[in-house]
Amino acid sequence: MFSENFVWVALAVAAYGNYFYLRDTLKGETKPNRVTFFLWGAAPLISFFAQKEGGGGIQILYTLIIALMPLIILAASFYDKKAYWKLTKFDVGCGILSLIALGILISTDQTLLALVFSVIADLFAGMPTIIKSYKYPDTETVSAYALEIVSSIIVVLTIHDWSFVNYSFAVYILFMNILFTSLLVFSPKRKEPIFH
């Protein structure tokens, strides 16, 4: 296990990975799904406050950065019209399901239940981008997701108190980023080189 101070390294790695996504969004090369990125900001932000209320350790700062980075990328997607991904009924449906889960999350006064619904909300929010990552891998920045794997692993290795409050979101984010990276790297629909 690492010292909890390594959380700061994880935060730096996460920010560095998201820098590439932000840069590519500003260039119009990466096209974030706005439903996903709005809700990817909202769900972890609510999780952060639930973790804080539940007495979470320094690892909850990772949840906070996981909330802030998508919101910054969402704002950047309005900068370049080429950075816009057309929303579908599926995207809106996933957004509605995510909002329902967020509503349940906000209305509960039980920290553990709130964290479970936060993960559910985040998963529904991510479904459009999961599909997009497979079908249109060239519209995503794989290095951002790959570096999130590294940062998630670092956070998980800093956990000494294995309570759900401390590990839930970091472990979930680790698995989601493994999924995204795998889809982007191995998609047969990729036309561009992975790293450009």
C-alpha atoms as a PDB file:
ATOM      1  CA  MET A   1       0.000   0.000   0.000  1.00  0.00           C
ATOM      2  CA  PHE A   2       1.087   3.533  -0.722  1.00  0.00           C
ATOM      3  CA  SER A   3       1.070   6.457   1.649  1.00  0.00           C
ATOM      4  CA  GLU A   4      -2.113   8.506   1.415  1.00  0.00           C
ATOM      5  CA  ASN A   5       0.051  11.367   0.147  1.00  0.00           C
ATOM      6  CA  PHE A   6       0.229   9.544  -3.192  1.00  0.00           C
ATOM      7  CA  VAL A   7      -3.340  10.736  -3.764  1.00  0.00           C
ATOM      8  CA  TRP A   8      -1.691  14.005  -4.833  1.00  0.00           C
ATOM      9  CA  VAL A   9       0.227  12.093  -7.514  1.00  0.00           C
ATOM     10  CA  ALA A  10      -3.024  10.490  -8.665  1.00  0.00           C
ATOM     11  CA  LEU A  11      -4.671  13.905  -8.888  1.00  0.00           C
ATOM     12  CA  ALA A  12      -1.769  15.201 -10.999  1.00  0.00           C
ATOM     13  CA  VAL A  13      -1.930  12.174 -13.327  1.00  0.00           C
ATOM     14  CA  ALA A  14      -5.709  12.575 -13.695  1.00  0.00           C
ATOM     15  CA  ALA A  15      -5.350  16.281 -14.467  1.00  0.00           C
ATOM     16  CA  TYR A  16      -2.581  15.536 -16.979  1.00  0.00           C
ATOM     17  CA  GLY A  17      -4.724  12.932 -18.750  1.00  0.00           C
ATOM     18  CA  ASN A  18      -7.672  15.277 -18.880  1.00  0.00           C
ATOM     19  CA  TYR A  19      -5.408  17.984 -20.304  1.00  0.00           C
ATOM     20  CA  PHE A  20      -5.119  15.891 -23.494  1.00  0.00           C
ATOM     21  CA  TYR A  21      -8.881  15.487 -23.686  1.00  0.00           C
ATOM     22  CA  LEU A  22      -9.370  19.208 -23.111  1.00  0.00           C
ATOM     23  CA  ARG A  23      -6.735  20.106 -25.710  1.00  0.00           C
ATOM     24  CA  ASP A  24      -8.293  17.805 -28.313  1.00  0.00           C
ATOM     25  CA  THR A  25     -11.764  19.147 -27.516  1.00  0.00           C
ATOM     26  CA  LEU A  26     -10.592  22.725 -28.027  1.00  0.00           C
ATOM     27  CA  LYS A  27      -9.107  21.674 -31.393  1.00  0.00           C
ATOM     28  CA  GLY A  28     -12.408  20.047 -32.382  1.00  0.00           C
ATOM     29  CA  GLU A  29     -10.745  16.620 -32.679  1.00  0.00           C
ATOM     30  CA  THR A  30     -12.468  15.079 -29.661  1.00  0.00           C
ATOM     31  CA  LYS A  31     -16.234  15.349 -29.470  1.00  0.00           C
ATOM     32  CA  PRO A  32     -17.490  14.874 -25.916  1.00  0.00           C
ATOM     33  CA  ASN A  33     -21.088  13.819 -25.449  1.00  0.00           C
ATOM     34  CA  ARG A  34     -22.546  16.743 -23.512  1.00  0.00           C
ATOM     35  CA  VAL A  35     -25.121  14.615 -21.683  1.00  0.00           C
ATOM     36  CA  THR A  36     -22.348  12.323 -20.460  1.00  0.00           C
ATOM     37  CA  PHE A  37     -19.971  15.090 -19.461  1.00  0.00           C
ATOM     38  CA  PHE A  38     -22.600  17.142 -17.640  1.00  0.00           C
ATOM     39  CA  LEU A  39     -23.699  14.135 -15.623  1.00  0.00           C
ATOM     40  CA  TRP A  40     -20.128  12.899 -15.181  1.00  0.00           C
ATOM     41  CA  GLY A  41     -19.586  16.193 -13.410  1.00  0.00           C
ATOM     42  CA  ALA A  42     -22.813  16.143 -11.399  1.00  0.00           C
ATOM     43  CA  ALA A  43     -22.780  12.540 -10.099  1.00  0.00           C
ATOM     44  CA  PRO A  44     -19.223  12.576  -8.699  1.00  0.00           C
ATOM     45  CA  LEU A  45     -19.733  16.049  -7.250  1.00  0.00           C
ATOM     46  CA  ILE A  46     -22.691  14.761  -5.257  1.00  0.00           C
ATOM     47  CA  SER A  47     -20.645  11.652  -4.382  1.00  0.00           C
ATOM     48  CA  PHE A  48     -17.855  13.859  -3.103  1.00  0.00           C
ATOM     49  CA  PHE A  49     -20.220  15.565  -0.664  1.00  0.00           C
ATOM     50  CA  ALA A  50     -21.675  12.182   0.398  1.00  0.00           C
ATOM     51  CA  GLN A  51     -18.166  10.810   0.948  1.00  0.00           C
ATOM     52  CA  LYS A  52     -17.206  13.936   2.890  1.00  0.00           C
ATOM     53  CA  GLU A  53     -20.307  13.619   5.070  1.00  0.00           C
ATOM     54  CA  GLY A  54     -19.547   9.920   5.568  1.00  0.00           C
ATOM     55  CA  GLY A  55     -16.084  10.711   6.883  1.00  0.00           C
ATOM     56  CA  GLY A  56     -14.137   9.696   3.780  1.00  0.00           C
ATOM     57  CA  GLY A  57     -10.376  10.097   3.768  1.00  0.00           C
ATOM     58  CA  ILE A  58      -8.096  12.045   1.468  1.00  0.00           C
ATOM     59  CA  GLN A  59      -9.136   9.739  -1.405  1.00  0.00           C
ATOM     60  CA  ILE A  60     -12.352  11.729  -1.765  1.00  0.00           C
ATOM     61  CA  LEU A  61     -10.284  14.470  -3.423  1.00  0.00           C
ATOM     62  CA  TYR A  62     -10.022  12.075  -6.357  1.00  0.00           C
ATOM     63  CA  THR A  63     -13.814  12.040  -6.581  1.00  0.00           C
ATOM     64  CA  LEU A  64     -13.756  15.841  -6.601  1.00  0.00           C
ATOM     65  CA  ILE A  65     -11.295  16.053  -9.503  1.00  0.00           C
ATOM     66  CA  ILE A  66     -13.289  13.378 -11.355  1.00  0.00           C
ATOM     67  CA  ALA A  67     -16.250  15.779 -11.045  1.00  0.00           C
ATOM     68  CA  LEU A  68     -14.473  18.989 -11.990  1.00  0.00           C
ATOM     69  CA  MET A  69     -12.616  17.787 -15.092  1.00  0.00           C
ATOM     70  CA  PRO A  70     -15.735  16.740 -17.078  1.00  0.00           C
ATOM     71  CA  LEU A  71     -17.363  20.080 -16.267  1.00  0.00           C
ATOM     72  CA  ILE A  72     -14.317  21.926 -17.632  1.00  0.00           C
ATOM     73  CA  ILE A  73     -14.358  19.731 -20.757  1.00  0.00           C
ATOM     74  CA  LEU A  74     -18.103  20.308 -21.129  1.00  0.00           C
ATOM     75  CA  ALA A  75     -17.516  24.064 -21.099  1.00  0.00           C
ATOM     76  CA  ALA A  76     -14.714  23.649 -23.671  1.00  0.00           C
ATOM     77  CA  SER A  77     -17.055  21.728 -25.992  1.00  0.00           C
ATOM     78  CA  PHE A  78     -18.939  24.976 -26.584  1.00  0.00           C
ATOM     79  CA  TYR A  79     -15.734  26.688 -27.782  1.00  0.00           C
ATOM     80  CA  ASP A  80     -15.418  24.846 -31.111  1.00  0.00           C
ATOM     81  CA  LYS A  81     -18.497  23.789 -33.083  1.00  0.00           C
ATOM     82  CA  LYS A  82     -16.590  20.741 -34.349  1.00  0.00           C
ATOM     83  CA  ALA A  83     -16.302  19.537 -30.740  1.00  0.00           C
ATOM     84  CA  TYR A  84     -20.035  18.908 -30.555  1.00  0.00           C
ATOM     85  CA  TRP A  85     -21.418  15.379 -30.612  1.00  0.00           C
ATOM     86  CA  LYS A  86     -25.002  15.110 -31.901  1.00  0.00           C
ATOM     87  CA  LEU A  87     -27.313  13.845 -29.169  1.00  0.00           C
ATOM     88  CA  THR A  88     -29.664  10.938 -29.842  1.00  0.00           C
ATOM     89  CA  LYS A  89     -32.810   9.675 -28.130  1.00  0.00           C
ATOM     90  CA  PHE A  90     -30.638   7.027 -26.480  1.00  0.00           C
ATOM     91  CA  ASP A  91     -28.388   9.756 -25.029  1.00  0.00           C
ATOM     92  CA  VAL A  92     -31.387  11.639 -23.683  1.00  0.00           C
ATOM     93  CA  GLY A  93     -32.888   8.421 -22.256  1.00  0.00           C
ATOM     94  CA  CYS A  94     -29.631   7.609 -20.461  1.00  0.00           C
ATOM     95  CA  GLY A  95     -29.517  11.189 -19.215  1.00  0.00           C
ATOM     96  CA  ILE A  96     -33.033  10.887 -17.811  1.00  0.00           C
ATOM     97  CA  LEU A  97     -32.195   7.595 -16.056  1.00  0.00           C
ATOM     98  CA  SER A  98     -29.055   9.191 -14.656  1.00  0.00           C
ATOM     99  CA  LEU A  99     -31.071  12.179 -13.412  1.00  0.00           C
ATOM    100  CA  ILE A 100     -33.572   9.831 -11.742  1.00  0.00           C
ATOM    101  CA  ALA A 101     -30.682   8.086  -9.964  1.00  0.00           C
ATOM    102  CA  LEU A 102     -29.286  11.500  -8.994  1.00  0.00           C
ATOM    103  CA  GLY A 103     -32.709  12.475  -7.632  1.00  0.00           C
ATOM    104  CA  ILE A 104     -32.776   9.360  -5.465  1.00  0.00           C
ATOM    105  CA  LEU A 105     -29.196  10.069  -4.440  1.00  0.00           C
ATOM    106  CA  ILE A 106     -30.017  13.605  -3.337  1.00  0.00           C
ATOM    107  CA  SER A 107     -33.173  12.562  -1.490  1.00  0.00           C
ATOM    108  CA  THR A 108     -31.541   9.883   0.656  1.00  0.00           C
ATOM    109  CA  ASP A 109     -29.893  10.650   3.943  1.00  0.00           C
ATOM    110  CA  GLN A 110     -27.935   7.384   3.943  1.00  0.00           C
ATOM    111  CA  THR A 111     -24.362   7.847   2.756  1.00  0.00           C
ATOM    112  CA  LEU A 112     -23.871   4.301   1.438  1.00  0.00           C
ATOM    113  CA  LEU A 113     -27.125   4.342  -0.509  1.00  0.00           C
ATOM    114  CA  ALA A 114     -26.195   7.756  -1.901  1.00  0.00           C
ATOM    115  CA  LEU A 115     -22.852   6.391  -3.109  1.00  0.00           C
ATOM    116  CA  VAL A 116     -24.521   3.394  -4.775  1.00  0.00           C
ATOM    117  CA  PHE A 117     -26.922   5.676  -6.638  1.00  0.00           C
ATOM    118  CA  SER A 118     -24.056   7.965  -7.555  1.00  0.00           C
ATOM    119  CA  VAL A 119     -22.315   5.064  -9.285  1.00  0.00           C
ATOM    120  CA  ILE A 120     -25.591   4.080 -10.991  1.00  0.00           C
ATOM    121  CA  ALA A 121     -26.119   7.675 -12.158  1.00  0.00           C
ATOM    122  CA  ASP A 122     -22.554   7.860 -13.442  1.00  0.00           C
ATOM    123  CA  LEU A 123     -22.937   4.540 -15.276  1.00  0.00           C
ATOM    124  CA  PHE A 124     -26.126   5.674 -17.035  1.00  0.00           C
ATOM    125  CA  ALA A 125     -24.414   8.964 -17.871  1.00  0.00           C
ATOM    126  CA  GLY A 126     -21.506   7.064 -19.406  1.00  0.00           C
ATOM    127  CA  MET A 127     -23.568   4.700 -21.578  1.00  0.00           C
ATOM    128  CA  PRO A 128     -23.735   7.076 -24.584  1.00  0.00           C
ATOM    129  CA  THR A 129     -19.968   7.533 -24.505  1.00  0.00           C
ATOM    130  CA  ILE A 130     -19.410   3.782 -24.106  1.00  0.00           C
ATOM    131  CA  ILE A 131     -21.386   3.212 -27.319  1.00  0.00           C
ATOM    132  CA  LYS A 132     -19.680   6.157 -29.043  1.00  0.00           C
ATOM    133  CA  SER A 133     -16.234   4.888 -28.003  1.00  0.00           C
ATOM    134  CA  TYR A 134     -16.848   1.609 -29.788  1.00  0.00           C
ATOM    135  CA  LYS A 135     -18.647   2.951 -32.864  1.00  0.00           C
ATOM    136  CA  TYR A 136     -16.642   6.159 -33.334  1.00  0.00           C
ATOM    137  CA  PRO A 137     -13.337   5.678 -31.490  1.00  0.00           C
ATOM    138  CA  ASP A 138     -11.668   8.505 -33.394  1.00  0.00           C
ATOM    139  CA  THR A 139     -13.926  11.014 -31.603  1.00  0.00           C
ATOM    140  CA  GLU A 140     -12.320  10.253 -28.236  1.00  0.00           C
ATOM    141  CA  THR A 141      -8.876  10.777 -26.665  1.00  0.00           C
ATOM    142  CA  VAL A 142      -7.581   7.415 -25.473  1.00  0.00           C
ATOM    143  CA  SER A 143      -4.657   8.854 -23.490  1.00  0.00           C
ATOM    144  CA  ALA A 144      -7.072  10.574 -21.099  1.00  0.00           C
ATOM    145  CA  TYR A 145      -8.761   7.288 -20.201  1.00  0.00           C
ATOM    146  CA  ALA A 146      -5.439   5.402 -20.038  1.00  0.00           C
ATOM    147  CA  LEU A 147      -3.981   7.939 -17.602  1.00  0.00           C
ATOM    148  CA  GLU A 148      -7.179   7.728 -15.534  1.00  0.00           C
ATOM    149  CA  ILE A 149      -6.442   4.005 -15.125  1.00  0.00           C
ATOM    150  CA  VAL A 150      -3.047   4.901 -13.676  1.00  0.00           C
ATOM    151  CA  SER A 151      -4.489   7.551 -11.366  1.00  0.00           C
ATOM    152  CA  SER A 152      -7.285   5.225 -10.201  1.00  0.00           C
ATOM    153  CA  ILE A 153      -4.809   2.473  -9.390  1.00  0.00           C
ATOM    154  CA  ILE A 154      -2.709   4.921  -7.372  1.00  0.00           C
ATOM    155  CA  VAL A 155      -5.775   6.041  -5.409  1.00  0.00           C
ATOM    156  CA  VAL A 156      -6.851   2.451  -4.749  1.00  0.00           C
ATOM    157  CA  LEU A 157      -3.338   1.619  -3.510  1.00  0.00           C
ATOM    158  CA  THR A 158      -3.507   4.484  -0.989  1.00  0.00           C
ATOM    159  CA  ILE A 159      -6.602   3.099   0.714  1.00  0.00           C
ATOM    160  CA  HIS A 160      -5.886   1.785   4.188  1.00  0.00           C
ATOM    161  CA  ASP A 161      -9.470   1.892   5.491  1.00  0.00           C
ATOM    162  CA  TRP A 162     -11.392  -0.303   3.064  1.00  0.00           C
ATOM    163  CA  SER A 163     -14.780   1.147   3.822  1.00  0.00           C
ATOM    164  CA  PHE A 164     -17.216   1.606   0.948  1.00  0.00           C
ATOM    165  CA  VAL A 165     -17.038   5.374   1.463  1.00  0.00           C
ATOM    166  CA  ASN A 166     -13.312   5.352   0.676  1.00  0.00           C
ATOM    167  CA  TYR A 167     -13.073   2.907  -2.211  1.00  0.00           C
ATOM    168  CA  SER A 168     -16.416   2.926  -4.039  1.00  0.00           C
ATOM    169  CA  PHE A 169     -15.901   5.666  -6.563  1.00  0.00           C
ATOM    170  CA  ALA A 170     -12.187   5.070  -7.208  1.00  0.00           C
ATOM    171  CA  VAL A 171     -12.733   1.364  -7.944  1.00  0.00           C
ATOM    172  CA  TYR A 172     -15.734   2.126 -10.153  1.00  0.00           C
ATOM    173  CA  ILE A 173     -13.745   4.771 -12.079  1.00  0.00           C
ATOM    174  CA  LEU A 174     -10.882   2.294 -12.510  1.00  0.00           C
ATOM    175  CA  PHE A 175     -13.171  -0.279 -14.138  1.00  0.00           C
ATOM    176  CA  MET A 176     -14.894   2.327 -16.314  1.00  0.00           C
ATOM    177  CA  ASN A 177     -11.571   3.629 -17.607  1.00  0.00           C
ATOM    178  CA  ILE A 178     -10.349   0.110 -18.346  1.00  0.00           C
ATOM    179  CA  LEU A 179     -13.547  -0.356 -20.364  1.00  0.00           C
ATOM    180  CA  PHE A 180     -13.132   2.930 -22.252  1.00  0.00           C
ATOM    181  CA  THR A 181      -9.450   2.359 -22.979  1.00  0.00           C
ATOM    182  CA  SER A 182     -10.152  -1.183 -24.203  1.00  0.00           C
ATOM    183  CA  LEU A 183     -12.976  -0.026 -26.461  1.00  0.00           C
ATOM    184  CA  LEU A 184     -10.888   2.778 -27.919  1.00  0.00           C
ATOM    185  CA  VAL A 185      -7.754   0.699 -28.464  1.00  0.00           C
ATOM    186  CA  PHE A 186      -9.398  -2.456 -29.815  1.00  0.00           C
ATOM    187  CA  SER A 187     -12.351  -1.050 -31.764  1.00  0.00           C
ATOM    188  CA  PRO A 188     -12.292  -2.400 -35.324  1.00  0.00           C
ATOM    189  CA  LYS A 189     -13.849   0.913 -36.378  1.00  0.00           C
ATOM    190  CA  ARG A 190     -10.726   2.960 -35.568  1.00  0.00           C
ATOM    191  CA  LYS A 191      -9.440   4.861 -38.628  1.00  0.00           C
ATOM    192  CA  GLU A 192      -6.797   7.107 -37.047  1.00  0.00           C
ATOM    193  CA  PRO A 193      -3.712   5.973 -35.120  1.00  0.00           C
ATOM    194  CA  ILE A 194      -4.327   5.791 -31.375  1.00  0.00           C
ATOM    195  CA  PHE A 195      -1.736   8.409 -30.484  1.00  0.00           C
ATOM    196  CA  HIS A 196      -1.465  11.350 -32.854  1.00  0.00           C
END
